[in-house]
Structures are given as structure tokens and as C-alpha cells.
PDB file of N, CA and C in Angstrom:
ATOM      1  N   MET A   1     -45.236 -37.291-104.332  1.00  0.00           N
ATOM      2  CA  MET A   1     -44.723 -38.443-105.079  1.00  0.00           C
ATOM      3  C   MET A   1     -44.081 -39.339-103.602  1.00  0.00           C
ATOM      4  N   ALA A   2     -44.230 -40.926-103.566  1.00  0.00           N
ATOM      5  CA  ALA A   2     -43.484 -41.516-102.416  1.00  0.00           C
ATOM      6  C   ALA A   2     -42.052 -41.096-102.588  1.00  0.00           C
ATOM      7  N   ASN A   3     -41.773 -41.335-101.023  1.00  0.00           N
ATOM      8  CA  ASN A   3     -40.137 -41.558-100.814  1.00  0.00           C
ATOM      9  C   ASN A   3     -39.570 -42.796-100.152  1.00  0.00           C
ATOM     10  N   HIS A   4     -40.615 -43.381 -99.331  1.00  0.00           N
ATOM     11  CA  HIS A   4     -39.907 -44.328 -98.802  1.00  0.00           C
ATOM     12  C   HIS A   4     -40.389 -45.584 -99.529  1.00  0.00           C
ATOM     13  N   LYS A   5     -39.044 -46.438 -99.481  1.00  0.00           N
ATOM     14  CA  LYS A   5     -39.115 -47.572-100.477  1.00  0.00           C
ATOM     15  C   LYS A   5     -40.020 -48.341-100.269  1.00  0.00           C
ATOM     16  N   SER A   6     -40.720 -48.708 -99.332  1.00  0.00           N
ATOM     17  CA  SER A   6     -42.200 -49.803 -99.094  1.00  0.00           C
ATOM     18  C   SER A   6     -43.419 -48.544 -99.939  1.00  0.00           C
ATOM     19  N   ALA A   7     -43.167 -47.317 -99.609  1.00  0.00           N
ATOM     20  CA  ALA A   7     -44.571 -46.654-100.459  1.00  0.00           C
ATOM     21  C   ALA A   7     -43.988 -46.898-102.174  1.00  0.00           C
ATOM     22  N   LEU A   8     -43.172 -47.057-102.618  1.00  0.00           N
ATOM     23  CA  LEU A   8     -42.311 -47.080-103.879  1.00  0.00           C
ATOM     24  C   LEU A   8     -42.978 -48.199-104.310  1.00  0.00           C
ATOM     25  N   LYS A   9     -42.846 -49.186-103.536  1.00  0.00           N
ATOM     26  CA  LYS A   9     -42.910 -50.811-103.915  1.00  0.00           C
ATOM     27  C   LYS A   9     -44.460 -50.636-103.633  1.00  0.00           C
ATOM     28  N   ARG A  10     -45.403 -50.533-103.038  1.00  0.00           N
ATOM     29  CA  ARG A  10     -46.871 -49.828-103.148  1.00  0.00           C
ATOM     30  C   ARG A  10     -47.292 -49.478-104.143  1.00  0.00           C
ATOM     31  N   VAL A  11     -46.618 -48.651-104.992  1.00  0.00           N
ATOM     32  CA  VAL A  11     -47.500 -47.785-105.851  1.00  0.00           C
ATOM     33  C   VAL A  11     -47.360 -48.475-107.273  1.00  0.00           C
ATOM     34  N   ARG A  12     -45.852 -49.272-107.161  1.00  0.00           N
ATOM     35  CA  ARG A  12     -45.703 -50.547-108.592  1.00  0.00           C
ATOM     36  C   ARG A  12     -46.472 -51.393-108.031  1.00  0.00           C
ATOM     37  N   GLN A  13     -47.245 -52.000-107.413  1.00  0.00           N
ATOM     38  CA  GLN A  13     -48.016 -52.974-106.914  1.00  0.00           C
ATOM     39  C   GLN A  13     -49.611 -52.799-107.159  1.00  0.00           C
ATOM     40  N   ASP A  14     -49.722 -51.427-107.242  1.00  0.00           N
ATOM     41  CA  ASP A  14     -50.995 -50.589-107.134  1.00  0.00           C
ATOM     42  C   ASP A  14     -51.421 -50.320-108.656  1.00  0.00           C
ATOM     43  N   GLU A  15     -50.172 -50.389-109.559  1.00  0.00           N
ATOM     44  CA  GLU A  15     -50.196 -50.087-110.563  1.00  0.00           C
ATOM     45  C   GLU A  15     -50.438 -51.449-111.610  1.00  0.00           C
ATOM     46  N   LYS A  16     -49.679 -52.373-110.858  1.00  0.00           N
ATOM     47  CA  LYS A  16     -49.970 -53.611-111.611  1.00  0.00           C
ATOM     48  C   LYS A  16     -51.444 -54.389-111.236  1.00  0.00           C
ATOM     49  N   ARG A  17     -51.927 -54.141-110.151  1.00  0.00           N
ATOM     50  CA  ARG A  17     -53.270 -54.085-109.979  1.00  0.00           C
ATOM     51  C   ARG A  17     -54.153 -53.594-110.914  1.00  0.00           C
ATOM     52  N   LYS A  18     -53.934 -52.300-111.034  1.00  0.00           N
ATOM     53  CA  LYS A  18     -55.036 -51.479-111.847  1.00  0.00           C
ATOM     54  C   LYS A  18     -55.007 -51.765-113.437  1.00  0.00           C
ATOM     55  N   THR A  19     -54.041 -52.262-113.730  1.00  0.00           N
ATOM     56  CA  THR A  19     -53.984 -52.978-115.018  1.00  0.00           C
ATOM     57  C   THR A  19     -54.670 -54.215-115.498  1.00  0.00           C
ATOM     58  N   ARG A  20     -54.424 -55.088-114.116  1.00  0.00           N
ATOM     59  CA  ARG A  20     -55.305 -56.728-114.406  1.00  0.00           C
ATOM     60  C   ARG A  20     -56.727 -56.605-113.774  1.00  0.00           C
ATOM     61  N   ASN A  21     -57.068 -55.238-112.864  1.00  0.00           N
ATOM     62  CA  ASN A  21     -58.365 -55.132-112.774  1.00  0.00           C
ATOM     63  C   ASN A  21     -58.710 -54.614-113.807  1.00  0.00           C
ATOM     64  N   LEU A  22     -58.650 -53.758-114.348  1.00  0.00           N
ATOM     65  CA  LEU A  22     -59.020 -53.067-115.511  1.00  0.00           C
ATOM     66  C   LEU A  22     -59.398 -54.363-116.487  1.00  0.00           C
ATOM     67  N   SER A  23     -58.337 -54.869-116.957  1.00  0.00           N
ATOM     68  CA  SER A  23     -58.350 -56.118-118.518  1.00  0.00           C
ATOM     69  C   SER A  23     -59.694 -56.849-118.172  1.00  0.00           C
ATOM     70  N   ILE A  24     -59.939 -56.956-116.313  1.00  0.00           N
ATOM     71  CA  ILE A  24     -60.584 -58.346-116.498  1.00  0.00           C
ATOM     72  C   ILE A  24     -62.005 -57.373-115.853  1.00  0.00           C
ATOM     73  N   LYS A  25     -62.522 -56.562-116.036  1.00  0.00           N
ATOM     74  CA  LYS A  25     -63.429 -55.562-116.166  1.00  0.00           C
ATOM     75  C   LYS A  25     -63.985 -55.679-117.404  1.00  0.00           C
ATOM     76  N   THR A  26     -63.172 -54.981-118.597  1.00  0.00           N
ATOM     77  CA  THR A  26     -63.291 -55.255-119.594  1.00  0.00           C
ATOM     78  C   THR A  26     -63.613 -56.413-120.451  1.00  0.00           C
ATOM     79  N   ARG A  27     -63.088 -57.665-119.602  1.00  0.00           N
ATOM     80  CA  ARG A  27     -63.459 -58.866-120.705  1.00  0.00           C
ATOM     81  C   ARG A  27     -64.339 -59.108-120.141  1.00  0.00           C
ATOM     82  N   SER A  28     -64.957 -58.771-118.764  1.00  0.00           N
ATOM     83  CA  SER A  28     -66.026 -59.295-118.338  1.00  0.00           C
ATOM     84  C   SER A  28     -67.183 -58.678-118.686  1.00  0.00           C
ATOM     85  N   LYS A  29     -66.913 -57.461-119.439  1.00  0.00           N
ATOM     86  CA  LYS A  29     -68.225 -56.100-120.111  1.00  0.00           C
ATOM     87  C   LYS A  29     -68.440 -56.785-121.167  1.00  0.00           C
ATOM     88  N   ASN A  30     -67.273 -57.083-121.787  1.00  0.00           N
ATOM     89  CA  ASN A  30     -67.209 -57.590-123.621  1.00  0.00           C
ATOM     90  C   ASN A  30     -68.208 -58.662-123.670  1.00  0.00           C
ATOM     91  N   ILE A  31     -67.904 -59.563-122.850  1.00  0.00           N
ATOM     92  CA  ILE A  31     -68.635 -61.072-122.656  1.00  0.00           C
ATOM     93  C   ILE A  31     -69.918 -60.968-122.356  1.00  0.00           C
ATOM     94  N   VAL A  32     -69.949 -60.168-121.400  1.00  0.00           N
ATOM     95  CA  VAL A  32     -71.589 -60.145-120.806  1.00  0.00           C
ATOM     96  C   VAL A  32     -72.376 -59.952-122.198  1.00  0.00           C
ATOM     97  N   LYS A  33     -72.210 -58.395-122.726  1.00  0.00           N
ATOM     98  CA  LYS A  33     -72.665 -57.903-124.168  1.00  0.00           C
ATOM     99  C   LYS A  33     -72.609 -59.000-125.470  1.00  0.00           C
ATOM    100  N   ALA A  34     -71.449 -59.711-125.218  1.00  0.00           N
ATOM    101  CA  ALA A  34     -71.732 -61.124-126.565  1.00  0.00           C
ATOM    102  C   ALA A  34     -73.056 -61.903-126.067  1.00  0.00           C
ATOM    103  N   VAL A  35     -72.871 -62.431-124.797  1.00  0.00           N
ATOM    104  CA  VAL A  35     -73.939 -63.068-124.706  1.00  0.00           C
ATOM    105  C   VAL A  35     -75.335 -62.538-124.710  1.00  0.00           C
ATOM    106  N   ARG A  36     -75.550 -61.393-124.673  1.00  0.00           N
ATOM    107  CA  ARG A  36     -77.106 -60.382-124.511  1.00  0.00           C
ATOM    108  C   ARG A  36     -77.109 -60.536-126.228  1.00  0.00           C
ATOM    109  N   THR A  37     -76.123 -59.699-127.385  1.00  0.00           N
ATOM    110  CA  THR A  37     -76.308 -60.107-128.348  1.00  0.00           C
ATOM    111  C   THR A  37     -76.612 -61.156-129.001  1.00  0.00           C
ATOM    112  N   ALA A  38     -76.339 -62.386-128.431  1.00  0.00           N
ATOM    113  CA  ALA A  38     -76.406 -63.636-129.168  1.00  0.00           C
ATOM    114  C   ALA A  38     -78.072 -63.527-128.751  1.00  0.00           C
ATOM    115  N   VAL A  39     -78.317 -63.942-127.599  1.00  0.00           N
ATOM    116  CA  VAL A  39     -79.858 -63.695-127.298  1.00  0.00           C
ATOM    117  C   VAL A  39     -80.568 -63.064-127.931  1.00  0.00           C
ATOM    118  N   ALA A  40     -80.260 -62.193-128.327  1.00  0.00           N
ATOM    119  CA  ALA A  40     -80.998 -61.274-129.221  1.00  0.00           C
ATOM    120  C   ALA A  40     -81.313 -61.634-130.529  1.00  0.00           C
ATOM    121  N   ASN A  41     -80.093 -61.758-130.814  1.00  0.00           N
ATOM    122  CA  ASN A  41     -80.186 -62.614-132.580  1.00  0.00           C
ATOM    123  C   ASN A  41     -80.667 -63.672-132.524  1.00  0.00           C
ATOM    124  N   ASN A  42     -81.411 -64.503-131.540  1.00  0.00           N
ATOM    125  CA  ASN A  42     -81.963 -65.956-131.305  1.00  0.00           C
ATOM    126  C   ASN A  42     -81.037 -66.913-132.273  1.00  0.00           C
ATOM    127  N   SER A  43     -79.539 -66.728-131.632  1.00  0.00           N
ATOM    128  CA  SER A  43     -78.489 -67.857-131.664  1.00  0.00           C
ATOM    129  C   SER A  43     -78.257 -68.508-130.561  1.00  0.00           C
ATOM    130  N   GLU A  44     -78.825 -69.880-130.017  1.00  0.00           N
ATOM    131  CA  GLU A  44     -78.881 -70.410-129.117  1.00  0.00           C
ATOM    132  C   GLU A  44     -77.566 -71.068-128.652  1.00  0.00           C
ATOM    133  N   GLU A  45     -76.910 -71.607-129.774  1.00  0.00           N
ATOM    134  CA  GLU A  45     -75.731 -72.234-129.862  1.00  0.00           C
ATOM    135  C   GLU A  45     -74.478 -71.521-129.626  1.00  0.00           C
ATOM    136  N   GLN A  46     -74.640 -70.257-129.452  1.00  0.00           N
ATOM    137  CA  GLN A  46     -73.519 -68.742-129.665  1.00  0.00           C
ATOM    138  C   GLN A  46     -73.851 -68.100-128.970  1.00  0.00           C
ATOM    139  N   ALA A  47     -75.414 -68.070-128.105  1.00  0.00           N
ATOM    140  CA  ALA A  47     -75.337 -67.543-126.750  1.00  0.00           C
ATOM    141  C   ALA A  47     -74.701 -68.866-125.674  1.00  0.00           C
ATOM    142  N   LYS A  48     -75.209 -70.020-125.276  1.00  0.00           N
ATOM    143  CA  LYS A  48     -74.230 -71.386-124.866  1.00  0.00           C
ATOM    144  C   LYS A  48     -72.805 -70.945-124.416  1.00  0.00           C
ATOM    145  N   GLU A  49     -72.422 -70.859-125.797  1.00  0.00           N
ATOM    146  CA  GLU A  49     -71.072 -70.814-125.599  1.00  0.00           C
ATOM    147  C   GLU A  49     -70.600 -69.717-124.703  1.00  0.00           C
ATOM    148  N   ASN A  50     -71.173 -68.781-125.379  1.00  0.00           N
ATOM    149  CA  ASN A  50     -70.604 -66.967-124.691  1.00  0.00           C
ATOM    150  C   ASN A  50     -71.007 -67.101-123.231  1.00  0.00           C
ATOM    151  N   LEU A  51     -72.659 -67.644-122.814  1.00  0.00           N
ATOM    152  CA  LEU A  51     -72.376 -67.957-121.303  1.00  0.00           C
ATOM    153  C   LEU A  51     -71.613 -69.070-120.557  1.00  0.00           C
ATOM    154  N   ARG A  52     -70.754 -69.764-121.312  1.00  0.00           N
ATOM    155  CA  ARG A  52     -69.933 -70.625-120.527  1.00  0.00           C
ATOM    156  C   ARG A  52     -68.746 -69.848-120.251  1.00  0.00           C
ATOM    157  N   LYS A  53     -68.576 -69.081-121.433  1.00  0.00           N
ATOM    158  CA  LYS A  53     -66.666 -68.047-121.410  1.00  0.00           C
ATOM    159  C   LYS A  53     -67.114 -67.161-120.139  1.00  0.00           C
ATOM    160  N   ALA A  54     -68.232 -66.520-120.269  1.00  0.00           N
ATOM    161  CA  ALA A  54     -68.784 -65.124-119.329  1.00  0.00           C
ATOM    162  C   ALA A  54     -68.724 -65.984-117.857  1.00  0.00           C
ATOM    163  N   ALA A  55     -69.287 -66.896-117.778  1.00  0.00           N
ATOM    164  CA  ALA A  55     -69.430 -67.667-116.207  1.00  0.00           C
ATOM    165  C   ALA A  55     -67.816 -67.872-115.769  1.00  0.00           C
ATOM    166  N   SER A  56     -67.303 -68.030-116.829  1.00  0.00           N
ATOM    167  CA  SER A  56     -65.670 -68.459-116.579  1.00  0.00           C
ATOM    168  C   SER A  56     -64.996 -67.078-116.129  1.00  0.00           C
ATOM    169  N   ILE A  57     -64.969 -66.214-117.093  1.00  0.00           N
ATOM    170  CA  ILE A  57     -64.283 -64.960-116.726  1.00  0.00           C
ATOM    171  C   ILE A  57     -64.275 -64.129-115.665  1.00  0.00           C
ATOM    172  N   LEU A  58     -66.485 -64.358-115.228  1.00  0.00           N
ATOM    173  CA  LEU A  58     -66.577 -63.473-113.840  1.00  0.00           C
ATOM    174  C   LEU A  58     -66.052 -64.159-112.577  1.00  0.00           C
ATOM    175  N   GLN A  59     -66.118 -66.000-112.698  1.00  0.00           N
ATOM    176  CA  GLN A  59     -65.529 -66.107-111.645  1.00  0.00           C
ATOM    177  C   GLN A  59     -64.137 -65.812-111.596  1.00  0.00           C
ATOM    178  N   LYS A  60     -63.024 -65.735-112.540  1.00  0.00           N
ATOM    179  CA  LYS A  60     -62.045 -65.561-112.296  1.00  0.00           C
ATOM    180  C   LYS A  60     -61.844 -64.231-111.472  1.00  0.00           C
ATOM    181  N   GLY A  61     -62.915 -63.137-111.790  1.00  0.00           N
ATOM    182  CA  GLY A  61     -62.437 -61.888-111.760  1.00  0.00           C
ATOM    183  C   GLY A  61     -62.916 -61.949-110.324  1.00  0.00           C
ATOM    184  N   THR A  62     -63.943 -62.513-109.651  1.00  0.00           N
ATOM    185  CA  THR A  62     -64.361 -63.337-108.034  1.00  0.00           C
ATOM    186  C   THR A  62     -63.035 -63.588-107.646  1.00  0.00           C
ATOM    187  N   SER A  63     -62.408 -64.318-108.074  1.00  0.00           N
ATOM    188  CA  SER A  63     -61.021 -65.091-107.139  1.00  0.00           C
ATOM    189  C   SER A  63     -60.122 -63.993-107.028  1.00  0.00           C
ATOM    190  N   LYS A  64     -59.677 -63.140-107.836  1.00  0.00           N
ATOM    191  CA  LYS A  64     -59.158 -62.423-108.254  1.00  0.00           C
ATOM    192  C   LYS A  64     -59.269 -60.806-107.428  1.00  0.00           C
ATOM    193  N   GLY A  65     -60.610 -61.059-106.660  1.00  0.00           N
ATOM    194  CA  GLY A  65     -61.445 -59.986-105.604  1.00  0.00           C
ATOM    195  C   GLY A  65     -61.224 -58.521-106.326  1.00  0.00           C
ATOM    196  N   VAL A  66     -61.595 -58.734-107.649  1.00  0.00           N
ATOM    197  CA  VAL A  66     -62.068 -57.747-108.918  1.00  0.00           C
ATOM    198  C   VAL A  66     -63.773 -57.157-108.857  1.00  0.00           C
ATOM    199  N   ILE A  67     -64.297 -58.396-108.623  1.00  0.00           N
ATOM    200  CA  ILE A  67     -65.589 -58.681-108.676  1.00  0.00           C
ATOM    201  C   ILE A  67     -66.172 -59.139-107.632  1.00  0.00           C
ATOM    202  N   HIS A  68     -67.685 -58.664-107.004  1.00  0.00           N
ATOM    203  CA  HIS A  68     -68.012 -59.169-105.988  1.00  0.00           C
ATOM    204  C   HIS A  68     -68.452 -60.818-106.168  1.00  0.00           C
ATOM    205  N   LYS A  69     -68.181 -61.234-105.047  1.00  0.00           N
ATOM    206  CA  LYS A  69     -68.840 -63.111-105.417  1.00  0.00           C
ATOM    207  C   LYS A  69     -70.376 -62.414-105.572  1.00  0.00           C
ATOM    208  N   LYS A  70     -71.077 -62.282-105.040  1.00  0.00           N
ATOM    209  CA  LYS A  70     -72.609 -61.910-105.300  1.00  0.00           C
ATOM    210  C   LYS A  70     -72.757 -60.916-106.263  1.00  0.00           C
ATOM    211  N   ARG A  71     -72.201 -60.326-106.649  1.00  0.00           N
ATOM    212  CA  ARG A  71     -72.479 -59.727-108.244  1.00  0.00           C
ATOM    213  C   ARG A  71     -71.961 -60.488-109.101  1.00  0.00           C
ATOM    214  N   ALA A  72     -71.409 -61.224-109.170  1.00  0.00           N
ATOM    215  CA  ALA A  72     -70.784 -62.363-110.442  1.00  0.00           C
ATOM    216  C   ALA A  72     -71.930 -63.068-110.568  1.00  0.00           C
ATOM    217  N   ALA A  73     -71.805 -63.777-109.226  1.00  0.00           N
ATOM    218  CA  ALA A  73     -73.235 -64.958-109.264  1.00  0.00           C
ATOM    219  C   ALA A  73     -74.869 -64.260-109.666  1.00  0.00           C
ATOM    220  N   ARG A  74     -75.106 -63.255-109.482  1.00  0.00           N
ATOM    221  CA  ARG A  74     -76.118 -62.864-110.095  1.00  0.00           C
ATOM    222  C   ARG A  74     -76.570 -62.410-111.588  1.00  0.00           C
ATOM    223  N   LYS A  75     -75.189 -62.132-111.764  1.00  0.00           N
ATOM    224  CA  LYS A  75     -74.724 -61.854-113.524  1.00  0.00           C
ATOM    225  C   LYS A  75     -74.902 -63.136-114.288  1.00  0.00           C
ATOM    226  N   ILE A  76     -74.270 -64.044-113.661  1.00  0.00           N
ATOM    227  CA  ILE A  76     -74.609 -65.135-114.084  1.00  0.00           C
ATOM    228  C   ILE A  76     -75.765 -65.859-114.271  1.00  0.00           C
ATOM    229  N   SER A  77     -76.311 -65.243-113.337  1.00  0.00           N
ATOM    230  CA  SER A  77     -77.749 -66.228-113.361  1.00  0.00           C
ATOM    231  C   SER A  77     -78.517 -65.777-113.838  1.00  0.00           C
ATOM    232  N   ARG A  78     -78.763 -64.271-114.374  1.00  0.00           N
ATOM    233  CA  ARG A  78     -79.586 -63.738-114.841  1.00  0.00           C
ATOM    234  C   ARG A  78     -79.144 -63.823-116.443  1.00  0.00           C
ATOM    235  N   LEU A  79     -77.891 -63.756-116.714  1.00  0.00           N
ATOM    236  CA  LEU A  79     -77.409 -64.512-118.704  1.00  0.00           C
ATOM    237  C   LEU A  79     -78.089 -65.995-118.681  1.00  0.00           C
ATOM    238  N   SER A  80     -77.830 -66.720-117.583  1.00  0.00           N
ATOM    239  CA  SER A  80     -78.553 -67.934-117.755  1.00  0.00           C
ATOM    240  C   SER A  80     -79.883 -68.075-117.926  1.00  0.00           C
ATOM    241  N   ARG A  81     -80.710 -67.264-117.760  1.00  0.00           N
ATOM    242  CA  ARG A  81     -82.026 -67.372-117.135  1.00  0.00           C
ATOM    243  C   ARG A  81     -82.359 -66.835-119.051  1.00  0.00           C
ATOM    244  N   HIS A  82     -81.965 -65.984-119.561  1.00  0.00           N
ATOM    245  CA  HIS A  82     -81.723 -65.394-120.692  1.00  0.00           C
ATOM    246  C   HIS A  82     -81.922 -66.561-121.842  1.00  0.00           C
ATOM    247  N   VAL A  83     -80.437 -67.177-121.952  1.00  0.00           N
ATOM    248  CA  VAL A  83     -80.005 -68.272-122.311  1.00  0.00           C
ATOM    249  C   VAL A  83     -81.401 -69.150-122.188  1.00  0.00           C
ATOM    250  N   ASN A  84     -81.527 -69.545-121.323  1.00  0.00           N
ATOM    251  CA  ASN A  84     -82.480 -70.648-121.073  1.00  0.00           C
ATOM    252  C   ASN A  84     -84.354 -70.338-121.570  1.00  0.00           C
ATOM    253  N   ARG A  85     -83.929 -68.971-121.148  1.00  0.00           N
ATOM    254  CA  ARG A  85     -85.734 -68.382-122.332  1.00  0.00           C
ATOM    255  C   ARG A  85     -85.641 -68.813-123.502  1.00  0.00           C
ATOM    256  N   LEU A  86     -84.178 -68.571-124.049  1.00  0.00           N
ATOM    257  CA  LEU A  86     -84.285 -68.272-125.535  1.00  0.00           C
ATOM    258  C   LEU A  86     -84.194 -70.095-125.677  1.00  0.00           C
ATOM    259  N   LYS A  87     -84.152 -71.095-125.297  1.00  0.00           N
ATOM    260  CA  LYS A  87     -83.831 -72.182-125.395  1.00  0.00           C
ATOM    261  C   LYS A  87     -85.228 -72.608-125.593  1.00  0.00           C
ATOM    262  N   SER A  88     -86.062 -72.246-124.490  1.00  0.00           N
ATOM    263  CA  SER A  88     -87.525 -72.960-124.181  1.00  0.00           C
ATOM    264  C   SER A  88     -88.791 -71.781-125.597  1.00  0.00           C
ATOM    265  N   THR A  89     -88.241 -70.843-125.910  1.00  0.00           N
ATOM    266  CA  THR A  89     -89.106 -70.504-126.909  1.00  0.00           C
ATOM    267  C   THR A  89     -88.768 -70.796-128.046  1.00  0.00           C
ATOM    268  N   SER A  90     -87.523 -71.468-128.101  1.00  0.00           N
ATOM    269  CA  SER A  90     -87.465 -72.033-129.617  1.00  0.00           C
ATOM    270  C   SER A  90     -87.840 -73.266-129.825  1.00  0.00           C
ATOM    271  N   THR A  91     -88.064 -73.970-128.742  1.00  0.00           N
ATOM    272  CA  THR A  91     -88.580 -75.632-128.546  1.00  0.00           C
ATOM    273  C   THR A  91     -90.399 -74.854-128.618  1.00  0.00           C
ATOM    274  N   ASP A  92     -90.617 -74.149-128.030  1.00  0.00           N
ATOM    275  CA  ASP A  92     -91.875 -74.069-128.345  1.00  0.00           C
ATOM    276  C   ASP A  92     -92.417 -73.592-129.508  1.00  0.00           C
ATOM    277  N   LEU A  93     -91.228 -72.940-130.457  1.00  0.00           N
ATOM    278  CA  LEU A  93     -91.908 -72.488-132.180  1.00  0.00           C
ATOM    279  C   LEU A  93     -92.076 -73.729-132.794  1.00  0.00           C
ATOM    280  N   THR A  94     -90.861 -74.609-132.403  1.00  0.00           N
ATOM    281  CA  THR A  94     -90.816 -76.198-133.357  1.00  0.00           C
ATOM    282  C   THR A  94     -91.852 -77.141-132.791  1.00  0.00           C
ATOM    283  N   ALA A  95     -92.323 -77.121-131.474  1.00  0.00           N
ATOM    284  CA  ALA A  95     -93.744 -78.001-131.199  1.00  0.00           C
ATOM    285  C   ALA A  95     -94.586 -77.197-131.994  1.00  0.00           C
ATOM    286  N   LYS A  96     -94.830 -76.114-131.801  1.00  0.00           N
ATOM    287  CA  LYS A  96     -96.406 -75.652-132.802  1.00  0.00           C
ATOM    288  C   LYS A  96     -96.606 -75.775-134.472  1.00  0.00           C
ATOM    289  N   GLY A  97     -94.705 -75.802-134.749  1.00  0.00           N
ATOM    290  CA  GLY A  97     -94.837 -75.911-136.503  1.00  0.00           C
ATOM    291  C   GLY A  97     -94.866 -77.541-136.759  1.00  0.00           C
TER     292      GLY A  97
END
């Protein structure tokens, strides 16, 4: 256990950061999962809404230093690609019908 005043403060700060980081990571994982589920269910509107939320949460994690900048960009890019493919397949189906 820490004995110095500064070390005790560091322990308190680390605990706060750990809680914040865990909540941001959990939220980002859940919203990414929601986007993927909406894409799997061919729910275009729900996928777009969840993608917008996911981008916001991932960017917030980046600004807080929880998620690396390039990792967040990669996830947003891949999710966007999935949603855009969903949109293109739905328009192809309506054009053929």
C-alpha cells in the first residue's frame, strides 16, 4: 500500500480513470455490436442511427485517451462500410423489383 501523500493521490486518480475507461470501453463495444446486429437484420435506419452513436462514442474514447486514434478510425470506417453495403443492396433489390 502507498505511504506517501502523492502516492495515495495517484491511487485515487488511477481508480477514477479505471472506472471511466472501463465504462467507455464497454459502451463502445455495445454500440459496435448494436450496429453489427442492425446490419445483420437488414435494418437500415437502425444501423444508421447506431453508426452515428458509435462514431460519437469512439471519438470520445479517443479524446479521453482510452482508445487509440487509428483504432477508432478503423472501427468507424469498417462499420460505415457495412452500413453502406446494406444501403446499396437494398437499393439494388428495389431497382430489380
